[in-house]
Amino acid sequence: PNGAGKTSLFNCISGHYRPHSGSITVDGVEVLGNAPATLARHGLA
């Protein structure tokens, strides 16, 4: 539902927000906290 946190989570995955804790990996490589341009080089669009 609205306000559930979907967009915020999406922004964490895509590098627009930096989570306070946790892990986000692409093929086992940690990408949490990287900027969107860096994530693009990891294959995220």
All heavy atoms as atom14 arrays in JSON, in Angstrom:
{
  "sequence": "PNGAGKTSLFNCISGHYRPHSGSITVDGVEVLGNAPATLARHGLA",
  "atom14_mask": [
    [1, 1, 1, 1, 1, 1, 1, 0, 0, 0, 0, 0, 0, 0],
    [1, 1, 1, 1, 1, 1, 1, 1, 0, 0, 0, 0, 0, 0],
    [1, 1, 1, 1, 0, 0, 0, 0, 0, 0, 0, 0, 0, 0],
    [1, 1, 1, 1, 1, 0, 0, 0, 0, 0, 0, 0, 0, 0],
    [1, 1, 1, 1, 0, 0, 0, 0, 0, 0, 0, 0, 0, 0],
    [1, 1, 1, 1, 1, 1, 1, 1, 1, 0, 0, 0, 0, 0],
    [1, 1, 1, 1, 1, 1, 1, 0, 0, 0, 0, 0, 0, 0],
    [1, 1, 1, 1, 1, 1, 0, 0, 0, 0, 0, 0, 0, 0],
    [1, 1, 1, 1, 1, 1, 1, 1, 0, 0, 0, 0, 0, 0],
    [1, 1, 1, 1, 1, 1, 1, 1, 1, 1, 1, 0, 0, 0],
    [1, 1, 1, 1, 1, 1, 1, 1, 0, 0, 0, 0, 0, 0],
    [1, 1, 1, 1, 1, 1, 0, 0, 0, 0, 0, 0, 0, 0],
    [1, 1, 1, 1, 1, 1, 1, 1, 0, 0, 0, 0, 0, 0],
    [1, 1, 1, 1, 1, 1, 0, 0, 0, 0, 0, 0, 0, 0],
    [1, 1, 1, 1, 0, 0, 0, 0, 0, 0, 0, 0, 0, 0],
    [1, 1, 1, 1, 1, 1, 1, 1, 1, 1, 0, 0, 0, 0],
    [1, 1, 1, 1, 1, 1, 1, 1, 1, 1, 1, 1, 0, 0],
    [1, 1, 1, 1, 1, 1, 1, 1, 1, 1, 1, 0, 0, 0],
    [1, 1, 1, 1, 1, 1, 1, 0, 0, 0, 0, 0, 0, 0],
    [1, 1, 1, 1, 1, 1, 1, 1, 1, 1, 0, 0, 0, 0],
    [1, 1, 1, 1, 1, 1, 0, 0, 0, 0, 0, 0, 0, 0],
    [1, 1, 1, 1, 0, 0, 0, 0, 0, 0, 0, 0, 0, 0],
    [1, 1, 1, 1, 1, 1, 0, 0, 0, 0, 0, 0, 0, 0],
    [1, 1, 1, 1, 1, 1, 1, 1, 0, 0, 0, 0, 0, 0],
    [1, 1, 1, 1, 1, 1, 1, 0, 0, 0, 0, 0, 0, 0],
    [1, 1, 1, 1, 1, 1, 1, 0, 0, 0, 0, 0, 0, 0],
    [1, 1, 1, 1, 1, 1, 1, 1, 0, 0, 0, 0, 0, 0],
    [1, 1, 1, 1, 0, 0, 0, 0, 0, 0, 0, 0, 0, 0],
    [1, 1, 1, 1, 1, 1, 1, 0, 0, 0, 0, 0, 0, 0],
    [1, 1, 1, 1, 1, 1, 1, 1, 1, 0, 0, 0, 0, 0],
    [1, 1, 1, 1, 1, 1, 1, 0, 0, 0, 0, 0, 0, 0],
    [1, 1, 1, 1, 1, 1, 1, 1, 0, 0, 0, 0, 0, 0],
    [1, 1, 1, 1, 0, 0, 0, 0, 0, 0, 0, 0, 0, 0],
    [1, 1, 1, 1, 1, 1, 1, 1, 0, 0, 0, 0, 0, 0],
    [1, 1, 1, 1, 1, 0, 0, 0, 0, 0, 0, 0, 0, 0],
    [1, 1, 1, 1, 1, 1, 1, 0, 0, 0, 0, 0, 0, 0],
    [1, 1, 1, 1, 1, 0, 0, 0, 0, 0, 0, 0, 0, 0],
    [1, 1, 1, 1, 1, 1, 1, 0, 0, 0, 0, 0, 0, 0],
    [1, 1, 1, 1, 1, 1, 1, 1, 0, 0, 0, 0, 0, 0],
    [1, 1, 1, 1, 1, 0, 0, 0, 0, 0, 0, 0, 0, 0],
    [1, 1, 1, 1, 1, 1, 1, 1, 1, 1, 1, 0, 0, 0],
    [1, 1, 1, 1, 1, 1, 1, 1, 1, 1, 0, 0, 0, 0],
    [1, 1, 1, 1, 0, 0, 0, 0, 0, 0, 0, 0, 0, 0],
    [1, 1, 1, 1, 1, 1, 1, 1, 0, 0, 0, 0, 0, 0],
    [1, 1, 1, 1, 1, 0, 0, 0, 0, 0, 0, 0, 0, 0]
  ],
  "atom14_positions": [
    [[0.83, -1.21, 0.0], [0.0, 0.0, 0.0], [0.86, 1.25, 0.0], [2.08, 1.2, 0.21], [-0.81, -0.14, 1.3], [0.02, -1.02, 2.18], [0.72, -1.97, 1.26], [0.0, 0.0, 0.0], [0.0, 0.0, 0.0], [0.0, 0.0, 0.0], [0.0, 0.0, 0.0], [0.0, 0.0, 0.0], [0.0, 0.0, 0.0], [0.0, 0.0, 0.0]],
    [[0.23, 2.39, -0.23], [0.96, 3.66, -0.19], [1.64, 3.83, 1.17], [1.05, 3.54, 2.21], [0.0, 4.84, -0.42], [-0.5, 4.89, -1.85], [0.18, 4.47, -2.77], [-1.71, 5.42, -2.03], [0.0, 0.0, 0.0], [0.0, 0.0, 0.0], [0.0, 0.0, 0.0], [0.0, 0.0, 0.0], [0.0, 0.0, 0.0], [0.0, 0.0, 0.0]],
    [[2.88, 4.3, 1.14], [3.63, 4.5, 2.38], [4.27, 3.24, 2.93], [4.8, 3.26, 4.04], [0.0, 0.0, 0.0], [0.0, 0.0, 0.0], [0.0, 0.0, 0.0], [0.0, 0.0, 0.0], [0.0, 0.0, 0.0], [0.0, 0.0, 0.0], [0.0, 0.0, 0.0], [0.0, 0.0, 0.0], [0.0, 0.0, 0.0], [0.0, 0.0, 0.0]],
    [[4.25, 2.15, 2.15], [4.79, 0.88, 2.65], [6.31, 0.86, 2.66], [6.91, 0.01, 3.32], [4.27, -0.27, 1.8], [0.0, 0.0, 0.0], [0.0, 0.0, 0.0], [0.0, 0.0, 0.0], [0.0, 0.0, 0.0], [0.0, 0.0, 0.0], [0.0, 0.0, 0.0], [0.0, 0.0, 0.0], [0.0, 0.0, 0.0], [0.0, 0.0, 0.0]],
    [[6.95, 1.76, 1.9], [8.41, 1.78, 1.85], [8.99, 1.27, 0.55], [10.21, 1.11, 0.42], [0.0, 0.0, 0.0], [0.0, 0.0, 0.0], [0.0, 0.0, 0.0], [0.0, 0.0, 0.0], [0.0, 0.0, 0.0], [0.0, 0.0, 0.0], [0.0, 0.0, 0.0], [0.0, 0.0, 0.0], [0.0, 0.0, 0.0], [0.0, 0.0, 0.0]],
    [[8.14, 1.04, -0.46], [8.6, 0.48, -1.73], [9.61, 1.38, -2.42], [10.69, 0.94, -2.83], [7.4, 0.24, -2.67], [6.31, -0.64, -2.12], [5.22, -0.88, -3.12], [4.52, 0.39, -3.58], [3.79, 1.08, -2.49], [0.0, 0.0, 0.0], [0.0, 0.0, 0.0], [0.0, 0.0, 0.0], [0.0, 0.0, 0.0], [0.0, 0.0, 0.0]],
    [[9.26, 2.66, -2.56], [10.16, 3.58, -3.26], [11.43, 3.79, -2.47], [12.53, 3.87, -3.06], [9.45, 4.92, -3.51], [8.3, 4.7, -4.33], [10.37, 5.91, -4.19], [0.0, 0.0, 0.0], [0.0, 0.0, 0.0], [0.0, 0.0, 0.0], [0.0, 0.0, 0.0], [0.0, 0.0, 0.0], [0.0, 0.0, 0.0], [0.0, 0.0, 0.0]],
    [[11.33, 3.86, -1.16], [12.54, 4.01, -0.34], [13.48, 2.82, -0.51], [14.7, 2.99, -0.63], [12.17, 4.16, 1.14], [11.47, 5.38, 1.36], [0.0, 0.0, 0.0], [0.0, 0.0, 0.0], [0.0, 0.0, 0.0], [0.0, 0.0, 0.0], [0.0, 0.0, 0.0], [0.0, 0.0, 0.0], [0.0, 0.0, 0.0], [0.0, 0.0, 0.0]],
    [[12.91, 1.62, -0.56], [13.74, 0.44, -0.76], [14.37, 0.46, -2.15], [15.55, 0.14, -2.31], [12.9, -0.82, -0.57], [13.67, -2.14, -0.66], [14.78, -2.21, 0.38], [12.73, -3.33, -0.51], [0.0, 0.0, 0.0], [0.0, 0.0, 0.0], [0.0, 0.0, 0.0], [0.0, 0.0, 0.0], [0.0, 0.0, 0.0], [0.0, 0.0, 0.0]],
    [[13.58, 0.84, -3.14], [14.11, 0.96, -4.51], [15.27, 1.95, -4.55], [16.27, 1.72, -5.22], [12.98, 1.43, -5.42], [12.86, 0.64, -6.7], [12.89, -0.73, -6.69], [12.7, 1.29, -7.91], [12.75, -1.46, -7.86], [12.56, 0.57, -9.09], [12.59, -0.8, -9.06], [0.0, 0.0, 0.0], [0.0, 0.0, 0.0], [0.0, 0.0, 0.0]],
    [[15.12, 3.06, -3.83], [16.17, 4.07, -3.8], [17.43, 3.55, -3.11], [18.54, 3.96, -3.45], [15.68, 5.33, -3.12], [14.75, 6.14, -3.99], [14.79, 6.04, -5.21], [13.9, 6.95, -3.38], [0.0, 0.0, 0.0], [0.0, 0.0, 0.0], [0.0, 0.0, 0.0], [0.0, 0.0, 0.0], [0.0, 0.0, 0.0], [0.0, 0.0, 0.0]],
    [[17.26, 2.65, -2.15], [18.43, 2.03, -1.51], [19.15, 1.11, -2.5], [20.38, 1.11, -2.59], [18.0, 1.23, -0.28], [17.43, 2.22, 1.11], [0.0, 0.0, 0.0], [0.0, 0.0, 0.0], [0.0, 0.0, 0.0], [0.0, 0.0, 0.0], [0.0, 0.0, 0.0], [0.0, 0.0, 0.0], [0.0, 0.0, 0.0], [0.0, 0.0, 0.0]],
    [[18.38, 0.31, -3.25], [18.98, -0.62, -4.2], [19.72, 0.15, -5.3], [20.82, -0.25, -5.72], [17.91, -1.53, -4.82], [17.23, -2.38, -3.74], [18.53, -2.45, -5.88], [16.0, -3.14, -4.24], [0.0, 0.0, 0.0], [0.0, 0.0, 0.0], [0.0, 0.0, 0.0], [0.0, 0.0, 0.0], [0.0, 0.0, 0.0], [0.0, 0.0, 0.0]],
    [[19.13, 1.25, -5.76], [19.7, 1.98, -6.89], [20.74, 3.02, -6.48], [21.27, 3.73, -7.33], [18.59, 2.66, -7.7], [17.88, 3.59, -6.9], [0.0, 0.0, 0.0], [0.0, 0.0, 0.0], [0.0, 0.0, 0.0], [0.0, 0.0, 0.0], [0.0, 0.0, 0.0], [0.0, 0.0, 0.0], [0.0, 0.0, 0.0], [0.0, 0.0, 0.0]],
    [[21.01, 3.14, -5.18], [22.07, 4.03, -4.72], [21.66, 5.45, -4.44], [22.51, 6.29, -4.13], [0.0, 0.0, 0.0], [0.0, 0.0, 0.0], [0.0, 0.0, 0.0], [0.0, 0.0, 0.0], [0.0, 0.0, 0.0], [0.0, 0.0, 0.0], [0.0, 0.0, 0.0], [0.0, 0.0, 0.0], [0.0, 0.0, 0.0], [0.0, 0.0, 0.0]],
    [[20.37, 5.76, -4.53], [19.92, 7.13, -4.25], [19.77, 7.38, -2.75], [19.82, 8.53, -2.31], [18.6, 7.4, -4.97], [18.76, 7.48, -6.47], [18.8, 6.35, -7.27], [18.93, 8.54, -7.3], [18.97, 6.72, -8.53], [19.04, 8.03, -8.58], [0.0, 0.0, 0.0], [0.0, 0.0, 0.0], [0.0, 0.0, 0.0], [0.0, 0.0, 0.0]],
    [[19.55, 6.31, -1.97], [19.58, 6.4, -0.51], [20.65, 5.45, -0.01], [20.89, 4.4, -0.62], [18.24, 5.98, 0.11], [17.07, 6.9, -0.12], [15.78, 6.45, 0.16], [17.23, 8.21, -0.57], [14.67, 7.27, -0.03], [16.13, 9.03, -0.77], [14.86, 8.55, -0.5], [13.77, 9.37, -0.69], [0.0, 0.0, 0.0], [0.0, 0.0, 0.0]],
    [[21.25, 5.82, 1.13], [22.22, 4.93, 1.77], [21.6, 4.37, 3.04], [21.35, 5.11, 4.0], [23.51, 5.66, 2.11], [24.56, 4.72, 2.67], [25.84, 5.43, 3.06], [26.82, 4.45, 3.51], [27.94, 4.16, 2.88], [28.23, 4.78, 1.76], [28.78, 3.27, 3.37], [0.0, 0.0, 0.0], [0.0, 0.0, 0.0], [0.0, 0.0, 0.0]],
    [[21.3, 3.07, 3.1], [20.72, 2.48, 4.31], [21.66, 2.64, 5.51], [22.89, 2.76, 5.34], [20.57, 1.01, 3.94], [20.58, 0.97, 2.45], [21.47, 2.08, 2.03], [0.0, 0.0, 0.0], [0.0, 0.0, 0.0], [0.0, 0.0, 0.0], [0.0, 0.0, 0.0], [0.0, 0.0, 0.0], [0.0, 0.0, 0.0], [0.0, 0.0, 0.0]],
    [[21.09, 2.62, 6.7], [21.9, 2.73, 7.92], [22.59, 1.41, 8.25], [23.63, 1.4, 8.9], [21.03, 3.19, 9.09], [20.57, 4.61, 8.95], [19.48, 4.98, 8.18], [21.08, 5.76, 9.44], [19.33, 6.29, 8.23], [20.28, 6.78, 8.98], [0.0, 0.0, 0.0], [0.0, 0.0, 0.0], [0.0, 0.0, 0.0], [0.0, 0.0, 0.0]],
    [[22.01, 0.32, 7.81], [22.64, -0.99, 8.05], [22.05, -2.0, 7.09], [21.03, -1.75, 6.44], [22.45, -1.45, 9.5], [21.06, -1.61, 9.79], [0.0, 0.0, 0.0], [0.0, 0.0, 0.0], [0.0, 0.0, 0.0], [0.0, 0.0, 0.0], [0.0, 0.0, 0.0], [0.0, 0.0, 0.0], [0.0, 0.0, 0.0], [0.0, 0.0, 0.0]],
    [[22.7, -3.14, 7.01], [22.24, -4.2, 6.14], [23.22, -4.47, 5.03], [24.36, -3.96, 5.02], [0.0, 0.0, 0.0], [0.0, 0.0, 0.0], [0.0, 0.0, 0.0], [0.0, 0.0, 0.0], [0.0, 0.0, 0.0], [0.0, 0.0, 0.0], [0.0, 0.0, 0.0], [0.0, 0.0, 0.0], [0.0, 0.0, 0.0], [0.0, 0.0, 0.0]],
    [[22.8, -5.25, 4.06], [23.66, -5.64, 2.96], [22.85, -5.73, 1.67], [21.71, -6.19, 1.67], [24.3, -7.01, 3.26], [25.02, -7.49, 2.15], [0.0, 0.0, 0.0], [0.0, 0.0, 0.0], [0.0, 0.0, 0.0], [0.0, 0.0, 0.0], [0.0, 0.0, 0.0], [0.0, 0.0, 0.0], [0.0, 0.0, 0.0], [0.0, 0.0, 0.0]],
    [[23.44, -5.24, 0.58], [22.87, -5.39, -0.76], [23.98, -5.89, -1.66], [25.0, -5.22, -1.81], [22.3, -4.07, -1.31], [21.19, -3.54, -0.39], [21.76, -4.27, -2.73], [20.67, -2.17, -0.8], [0.0, 0.0, 0.0], [0.0, 0.0, 0.0], [0.0, 0.0, 0.0], [0.0, 0.0, 0.0], [0.0, 0.0, 0.0], [0.0, 0.0, 0.0]],
    [[23.82, -7.09, -2.23], [24.87, -7.66, -3.06], [24.34, -7.98, -4.45], [23.18, -8.31, -4.64], [25.45, -8.95, -2.44], [24.42, -9.95, -2.36], [26.01, -8.69, -1.05], [0.0, 0.0, 0.0], [0.0, 0.0, 0.0], [0.0, 0.0, 0.0], [0.0, 0.0, 0.0], [0.0, 0.0, 0.0], [0.0, 0.0, 0.0], [0.0, 0.0, 0.0]],
    [[25.23, -7.89, -5.43], [24.98, -8.29, -6.81], [25.97, -9.4, -7.12], [27.19, -9.18, -7.11], [25.15, -7.12, -7.79], [25.04, -7.61, -9.23], [24.12, -6.03, -7.51], [0.0, 0.0, 0.0], [0.0, 0.0, 0.0], [0.0, 0.0, 0.0], [0.0, 0.0, 0.0], [0.0, 0.0, 0.0], [0.0, 0.0, 0.0], [0.0, 0.0, 0.0]],
    [[25.45, -10.61, -7.35], [26.3, -11.79, -7.56], [27.35, -11.92, -6.46], [28.52, -12.22, -6.72], [26.97, -11.74, -8.94], [26.04, -12.2, -10.04], [24.99, -12.82, -9.74], [26.36, -11.97, -11.23], [0.0, 0.0, 0.0], [0.0, 0.0, 0.0], [0.0, 0.0, 0.0], [0.0, 0.0, 0.0], [0.0, 0.0, 0.0], [0.0, 0.0, 0.0]],
    [[26.92, -11.66, -5.22], [27.79, -11.83, -4.07], [28.71, -10.66, -3.76], [29.43, -10.68, -2.76], [0.0, 0.0, 0.0], [0.0, 0.0, 0.0], [0.0, 0.0, 0.0], [0.0, 0.0, 0.0], [0.0, 0.0, 0.0], [0.0, 0.0, 0.0], [0.0, 0.0, 0.0], [0.0, 0.0, 0.0], [0.0, 0.0, 0.0], [0.0, 0.0, 0.0]],
    [[28.72, -9.62, -4.6], [29.58, -8.46, -4.39], [28.78, -7.37, -3.69], [27.71, -6.96, -4.18], [30.13, -7.92, -5.72], [30.96, -6.67, -5.5], [30.96, -8.99, -6.42], [0.0, 0.0, 0.0], [0.0, 0.0, 0.0], [0.0, 0.0, 0.0], [0.0, 0.0, 0.0], [0.0, 0.0, 0.0], [0.0, 0.0, 0.0], [0.0, 0.0, 0.0]],
    [[29.27, -6.89, -2.56], [28.58, -5.86, -1.79], [28.55, -4.55, -2.58], [29.58, -4.06, -3.03], [29.28, -5.63, -0.45], [28.61, -4.6, 0.44], [27.23, -5.01, 0.9], [27.11, -6.06, 1.57], [26.26, -4.3, 0.55], [0.0, 0.0, 0.0], [0.0, 0.0, 0.0], [0.0, 0.0, 0.0], [0.0, 0.0, 0.0], [0.0, 0.0, 0.0]],
    [[27.34, -3.98, -2.76], [27.21, -2.72, -3.48], [26.52, -1.64, -2.64], [26.37, -0.51, -3.1], [26.42, -2.91, -4.8], [27.15, -3.87, -5.73], [24.99, -3.38, -4.55], [0.0, 0.0, 0.0], [0.0, 0.0, 0.0], [0.0, 0.0, 0.0], [0.0, 0.0, 0.0], [0.0, 0.0, 0.0], [0.0, 0.0, 0.0], [0.0, 0.0, 0.0]],
    [[26.12, -1.99, -1.42], [25.41, -1.03, -0.58], [26.25, 0.23, -0.38], [27.44, 0.16, -0.08], [25.07, -1.66, 0.78], [24.21, -0.83, 1.73], [23.32, -1.74, 2.56], [25.09, -0.01, 2.68], [0.0, 0.0, 0.0], [0.0, 0.0, 0.0], [0.0, 0.0, 0.0], [0.0, 0.0, 0.0], [0.0, 0.0, 0.0], [0.0, 0.0, 0.0]],
    [[25.6, 1.38, -0.55], [26.27, 2.65, -0.32], [26.95, 3.23, -1.53], [27.43, 4.37, -1.48], [0.0, 0.0, 0.0], [0.0, 0.0, 0.0], [0.0, 0.0, 0.0], [0.0, 0.0, 0.0], [0.0, 0.0, 0.0], [0.0, 0.0, 0.0], [0.0, 0.0, 0.0], [0.0, 0.0, 0.0], [0.0, 0.0, 0.0], [0.0, 0.0, 0.0]],
    [[27.01, 2.48, -2.64], [27.63, 3.02, -3.85], [26.69, 4.0, -4.54], [25.47, 3.88, -4.46], [27.97, 1.89, -4.83], [29.21, 1.12, -4.42], [30.2, 1.71, -3.97], [29.16, -0.19, -4.56], [0.0, 0.0, 0.0], [0.0, 0.0, 0.0], [0.0, 0.0, 0.0], [0.0, 0.0, 0.0], [0.0, 0.0, 0.0], [0.0, 0.0, 0.0]],
    [[27.28, 4.96, -5.24], [26.5, 5.94, -6.0], [25.88, 5.29, -7.22], [26.38, 4.26, -7.7], [27.4, 7.1, -6.41], [0.0, 0.0, 0.0], [0.0, 0.0, 0.0], [0.0, 0.0, 0.0], [0.0, 0.0, 0.0], [0.0, 0.0, 0.0], [0.0, 0.0, 0.0], [0.0, 0.0, 0.0], [0.0, 0.0, 0.0], [0.0, 0.0, 0.0]],
    [[24.79, 5.88, -7.76], [24.15, 5.3, -8.94], [25.09, 5.05, -10.11], [24.99, 4.03, -10.79], [23.09, 6.34, -9.29], [22.73, 6.97, -7.98], [24.02, 7.03, -7.22], [0.0, 0.0, 0.0], [0.0, 0.0, 0.0], [0.0, 0.0, 0.0], [0.0, 0.0, 0.0], [0.0, 0.0, 0.0], [0.0, 0.0, 0.0], [0.0, 0.0, 0.0]],
    [[26.05, 5.96, -10.35], [26.97, 5.77, -11.48], [27.85, 4.55, -11.26], [28.15, 3.81, -12.21], [27.84, 7.01, -11.66], [0.0, 0.0, 0.0], [0.0, 0.0, 0.0], [0.0, 0.0, 0.0], [0.0, 0.0, 0.0], [0.0, 0.0, 0.0], [0.0, 0.0, 0.0], [0.0, 0.0, 0.0], [0.0, 0.0, 0.0], [0.0, 0.0, 0.0]],
    [[28.26, 4.31, -10.02], [29.07, 3.13, -9.71], [28.23, 1.87, -9.87], [28.7, 0.86, -10.4], [29.62, 3.22, -8.28], [30.39, 4.42, -8.15], [30.5, 2.02, -7.97], [0.0, 0.0, 0.0], [0.0, 0.0, 0.0], [0.0, 0.0, 0.0], [0.0, 0.0, 0.0], [0.0, 0.0, 0.0], [0.0, 0.0, 0.0], [0.0, 0.0, 0.0]],
    [[26.99, 1.94, -9.41], [26.11, 0.77, -9.53], [25.83, 0.42, -10.99], [25.67, -0.76, -11.32], [24.79, 1.03, -8.8], [24.9, 1.11, -7.27], [23.57, 1.5, -6.66], [25.36, -0.22, -6.7], [0.0, 0.0, 0.0], [0.0, 0.0, 0.0], [0.0, 0.0, 0.0], [0.0, 0.0, 0.0], [0.0, 0.0, 0.0], [0.0, 0.0, 0.0]],
    [[25.8, 1.42, -11.85], [25.61, 1.15, -13.28], [26.74, 0.27, -13.8], [26.53, -0.6, -14.66], [25.54, 2.46, -14.06], [0.0, 0.0, 0.0], [0.0, 0.0, 0.0], [0.0, 0.0, 0.0], [0.0, 0.0, 0.0], [0.0, 0.0, 0.0], [0.0, 0.0, 0.0], [0.0, 0.0, 0.0], [0.0, 0.0, 0.0], [0.0, 0.0, 0.0]],
    [[27.94, 0.47, -13.27], [29.08, -0.36, -13.69], [28.99, -1.77, -13.12], [29.65, -2.68, -13.61], [30.39, 0.31, -13.29], [30.62, 1.65, -14.0], [31.96, 2.27, -13.69], [32.12, 3.52, -14.41], [31.76, 4.71, -13.95], [31.21, 4.82, -12.74], [31.93, 5.8, -14.68], [0.0, 0.0, 0.0], [0.0, 0.0, 0.0], [0.0, 0.0, 0.0]],
    [[28.18, -1.94, -12.08], [27.91, -3.28, -11.55], [26.74, -3.95, -12.27], [26.35, -5.05, -11.91], [27.61, -3.2, -10.05], [28.82, -3.01, -9.18], [29.69, -4.04, -8.88], [29.31, -1.9, -8.56], [30.65, -3.59, -8.1], [30.45, -2.29, -7.9], [0.0, 0.0, 0.0], [0.0, 0.0, 0.0], [0.0, 0.0, 0.0], [0.0, 0.0, 0.0]],
    [[26.16, -3.24, -13.24], [25.1, -3.85, -14.05], [23.69, -3.47, -13.65], [22.73, -4.06, -14.15], [0.0, 0.0, 0.0], [0.0, 0.0, 0.0], [0.0, 0.0, 0.0], [0.0, 0.0, 0.0], [0.0, 0.0, 0.0], [0.0, 0.0, 0.0], [0.0, 0.0, 0.0], [0.0, 0.0, 0.0], [0.0, 0.0, 0.0], [0.0, 0.0, 0.0]],
    [[23.52, -2.47, -12.76], [22.18, -2.04, -12.37], [21.73, -0.86, -13.22], [22.48, 0.1, -13.4], [22.13, -1.63, -10.9], [21.93, -2.76, -9.89], [23.26, -3.44, -9.58], [21.33, -2.23, -8.59], [0.0, 0.0, 0.0], [0.0, 0.0, 0.0], [0.0, 0.0, 0.0], [0.0, 0.0, 0.0], [0.0, 0.0, 0.0], [0.0, 0.0, 0.0]],
    [[20.52, -0.94, -13.75], [19.91, 0.17, -14.48], [18.52, 0.38, -13.93], [17.86, -0.57, -13.49], [19.86, -0.11, -15.98], [0.0, 0.0, 0.0], [0.0, 0.0, 0.0], [0.0, 0.0, 0.0], [0.0, 0.0, 0.0], [0.0, 0.0, 0.0], [0.0, 0.0, 0.0], [0.0, 0.0, 0.0], [0.0, 0.0, 0.0], [0.0, 0.0, 0.0]]
  ]
}
